[in-house]
Amino acid sequence: MLMPHVRTVAAALHAYRSAWTGLLRDPASPHSYRRLDDAAYTLCVLMGQRNAADAAAKAERFLARAEPAADGSVREKTGVRQAVHRVLPSAVSGTRKGRDAVAD
């Protein structure tokens, strides 16, 4: 199954939570409702769910499985990098020899 990028899920979840906060701050605003509706729709599509509460819960579980990267962002824990490193250690480490060896 295809899954969205971790940063995309984090951004969509943040937008959804921010929209809820905005709606709670100004419940009479039609803009707040529209913003929440848009954020909920985006989150549902990304996570493959039919309602926003399930999509938010799935996004939280998805992000909980993510690991922080050195640059402060997050990436999904898949084990692929470790498997590739065992097969092609120089290609994963980023040495020139490794990249050239993979291309040959």
C-alpha atoms as a PDB file:
ATOM      1  CA  MET A   1       0.000   0.000   0.000  1.00  0.00           C
ATOM      2  CA  LEU A   2       1.282   3.448  -0.839  1.00  0.00           C
ATOM      3  CA  MET A   3       1.694   5.741   2.135  1.00  0.00           C
ATOM      4  CA  PRO A   4       2.217   9.503   2.087  1.00  0.00           C
ATOM      5  CA  HIS A   5       5.477  11.119   3.069  1.00  0.00           C
ATOM      6  CA  VAL A   6       5.896  11.609   6.791  1.00  0.00           C
ATOM      7  CA  ARG A   7       6.242  15.390   6.494  1.00  0.00           C
ATOM      8  CA  THR A   8       3.028  15.553   4.457  1.00  0.00           C
ATOM      9  CA  VAL A   9       1.139  13.636   7.139  1.00  0.00           C
ATOM     10  CA  ALA A  10       2.631  15.818   9.884  1.00  0.00           C
ATOM     11  CA  ALA A  11       1.636  18.984   8.017  1.00  0.00           C
ATOM     12  CA  ALA A  12      -1.906  17.730   7.375  1.00  0.00           C
ATOM     13  CA  LEU A  13      -2.364  16.696  11.002  1.00  0.00           C
ATOM     14  CA  HIS A  14      -1.041  20.061  12.160  1.00  0.00           C
ATOM     15  CA  ALA A  15      -3.430  21.868   9.786  1.00  0.00           C
ATOM     16  CA  TYR A  16      -6.345  19.785  11.089  1.00  0.00           C
ATOM     17  CA  ARG A  17      -5.491  20.529  14.722  1.00  0.00           C
ATOM     18  CA  SER A  18      -4.950  24.212  13.971  1.00  0.00           C
ATOM     19  CA  ALA A  19      -8.299  24.374  12.197  1.00  0.00           C
ATOM     20  CA  TRP A  20     -10.008  22.863  15.252  1.00  0.00           C
ATOM     21  CA  THR A  21      -8.306  25.438  17.458  1.00  0.00           C
ATOM     22  CA  GLY A  22      -9.450  28.221  15.126  1.00  0.00           C
ATOM     23  CA  LEU A  23     -13.011  26.935  15.200  1.00  0.00           C
ATOM     24  CA  LEU A  24     -13.008  26.806  18.992  1.00  0.00           C
ATOM     25  CA  ARG A  25     -11.693  30.382  19.102  1.00  0.00           C
ATOM     26  CA  ASP A  26     -14.299  31.709  16.677  1.00  0.00           C
ATOM     27  CA  PRO A  27     -17.235  29.285  16.319  1.00  0.00           C
ATOM     28  CA  ALA A  28     -19.376  31.833  14.463  1.00  0.00           C
ATOM     29  CA  SER A  29     -16.913  32.252  11.598  1.00  0.00           C
ATOM     30  CA  PRO A  30     -17.788  30.504   8.325  1.00  0.00           C
ATOM     31  CA  HIS A  31     -14.084  30.693   7.451  1.00  0.00           C
ATOM     32  CA  SER A  32     -13.257  28.540  10.491  1.00  0.00           C
ATOM     33  CA  TYR A  33     -15.718  25.861   9.378  1.00  0.00           C
ATOM     34  CA  ARG A  34     -14.396  25.903   5.830  1.00  0.00           C
ATOM     35  CA  ARG A  35     -10.800  25.642   7.024  1.00  0.00           C
ATOM     36  CA  LEU A  36     -11.665  22.677   9.266  1.00  0.00           C
ATOM     37  CA  ASP A  37     -13.597  20.988   6.463  1.00  0.00           C
ATOM     38  CA  ASP A  38     -10.670  21.386   4.045  1.00  0.00           C
ATOM     39  CA  ALA A  39      -8.122  20.144   6.583  1.00  0.00           C
ATOM     40  CA  ALA A  40     -10.296  17.167   7.540  1.00  0.00           C
ATOM     41  CA  TYR A  41     -10.822  16.229   3.889  1.00  0.00           C
ATOM     42  CA  THR A  42      -7.088  16.384   3.167  1.00  0.00           C
ATOM     43  CA  LEU A  43      -6.263  14.256   6.197  1.00  0.00           C
ATOM     44  CA  CYS A  44      -8.932  11.684   5.281  1.00  0.00           C
ATOM     45  CA  VAL A  45      -7.625  11.370   1.727  1.00  0.00           C
ATOM     46  CA  LEU A  46      -4.012  11.055   2.859  1.00  0.00           C
ATOM     47  CA  MET A  47      -4.788   8.411   5.456  1.00  0.00           C
ATOM     48  CA  GLY A  48      -7.452   6.539   3.479  1.00  0.00           C
ATOM     49  CA  GLN A  49     -10.175   6.995   6.079  1.00  0.00           C
ATOM     50  CA  ARG A  50     -13.807   8.077   5.820  1.00  0.00           C
ATOM     51  CA  ASN A  51     -13.965  10.319   8.875  1.00  0.00           C
ATOM     52  CA  ALA A  52     -11.581  12.850  10.324  1.00  0.00           C
ATOM     53  CA  ALA A  53     -11.314  11.309  13.798  1.00  0.00           C
ATOM     54  CA  ASP A  54     -10.161   7.972  12.341  1.00  0.00           C
ATOM     55  CA  ALA A  55      -7.814   9.759   9.944  1.00  0.00           C
ATOM     56  CA  ALA A  56      -6.267  11.782  12.789  1.00  0.00           C
ATOM     57  CA  ALA A  57      -5.805   8.638  14.894  1.00  0.00           C
ATOM     58  CA  LYS A  58      -4.197   6.809  11.965  1.00  0.00           C
ATOM     59  CA  ALA A  59      -1.941   9.808  11.271  1.00  0.00           C
ATOM     60  CA  GLU A  60      -0.845   9.879  14.912  1.00  0.00           C
ATOM     61  CA  ARG A  61       0.000   6.164  14.793  1.00  0.00           C
ATOM     62  CA  PHE A  62       1.826   6.682  11.491  1.00  0.00           C
ATOM     63  CA  LEU A  63       3.879   9.532  12.936  1.00  0.00           C
ATOM     64  CA  ALA A  64       4.603   7.557  16.106  1.00  0.00           C
ATOM     65  CA  ARG A  65       6.356   4.990  13.914  1.00  0.00           C
ATOM     66  CA  ALA A  66       8.466   7.740  12.323  1.00  0.00           C
ATOM     67  CA  GLU A  67      11.991   8.411  13.466  1.00  0.00           C
ATOM     68  CA  PRO A  68      13.730  11.786  13.706  1.00  0.00           C
ATOM     69  CA  ALA A  69      16.396  12.520  11.121  1.00  0.00           C
ATOM     70  CA  ALA A  70      19.615  14.414  11.758  1.00  0.00           C
ATOM     71  CA  ASP A  71      18.179  17.598  10.213  1.00  0.00           C
ATOM     72  CA  GLY A  72      15.256  17.664  12.654  1.00  0.00           C
ATOM     73  CA  SER A  73      12.715  16.283  10.198  1.00  0.00           C
ATOM     74  CA  VAL A  74      11.181  12.828  10.494  1.00  0.00           C
ATOM     75  CA  ARG A  75      11.172   9.802   8.223  1.00  0.00           C
ATOM     76  CA  GLU A  76       9.284   6.543   8.303  1.00  0.00           C
ATOM     77  CA  LYS A  77      10.961   3.569   9.935  1.00  0.00           C
ATOM     78  CA  THR A  78      10.959   0.965   7.209  1.00  0.00           C
ATOM     79  CA  GLY A  79      14.158  -0.970   7.700  1.00  0.00           C
ATOM     80  CA  VAL A  80      14.947  -0.502   4.008  1.00  0.00           C
ATOM     81  CA  ARG A  81      17.992   1.662   4.628  1.00  0.00           C
ATOM     82  CA  GLN A  82      19.444  -0.926   6.989  1.00  0.00           C
ATOM     83  CA  ALA A  83      18.782  -3.734   4.485  1.00  0.00           C
ATOM     84  CA  VAL A  84      20.418  -1.783   1.642  1.00  0.00           C
ATOM     85  CA  HIS A  85      23.356  -0.921   3.890  1.00  0.00           C
ATOM     86  CA  ARG A  86      24.009  -4.611   4.523  1.00  0.00           C
ATOM     87  CA  VAL A  87      24.056  -5.308   0.771  1.00  0.00           C
ATOM     88  CA  LEU A  88      25.731  -2.117  -0.491  1.00  0.00           C
ATOM     89  CA  PRO A  89      27.431  -0.415   2.476  1.00  0.00           C
ATOM     90  CA  SER A  90      29.375   2.142   0.437  1.00  0.00           C
ATOM     91  CA  ALA A  91      26.309   3.128  -1.604  1.00  0.00           C
ATOM     92  CA  VAL A  92      24.330   3.995   1.493  1.00  0.00           C
ATOM     93  CA  SER A  93      27.152   5.801   3.237  1.00  0.00           C
ATOM     94  CA  GLY A  94      27.348   8.221   0.306  1.00  0.00           C
ATOM     95  CA  THR A  95      30.956   7.715  -0.744  1.00  0.00           C
ATOM     96  CA  ARG A  96      31.810   8.518  -4.334  1.00  0.00           C
ATOM     97  CA  LYS A  97      33.027   4.987  -4.919  1.00  0.00           C
ATOM     98  CA  GLY A  98      29.707   3.603  -3.654  1.00  0.00           C
ATOM     99  CA  ARG A  99      27.561   5.765  -5.920  1.00  0.00           C
ATOM    100  CA  ASP A 100      29.721   4.940  -8.932  1.00  0.00           C
ATOM    101  CA  ALA A 101      29.684   1.234  -8.085  1.00  0.00           C
ATOM    102  CA  VAL A 102      25.884   1.216  -7.990  1.00  0.00           C
ATOM    103  CA  ALA A 103      25.634   3.052 -11.319  1.00  0.00           C
ATOM    104  CA  ASP A 104      27.955   0.575 -13.094  1.00  0.00           C
END
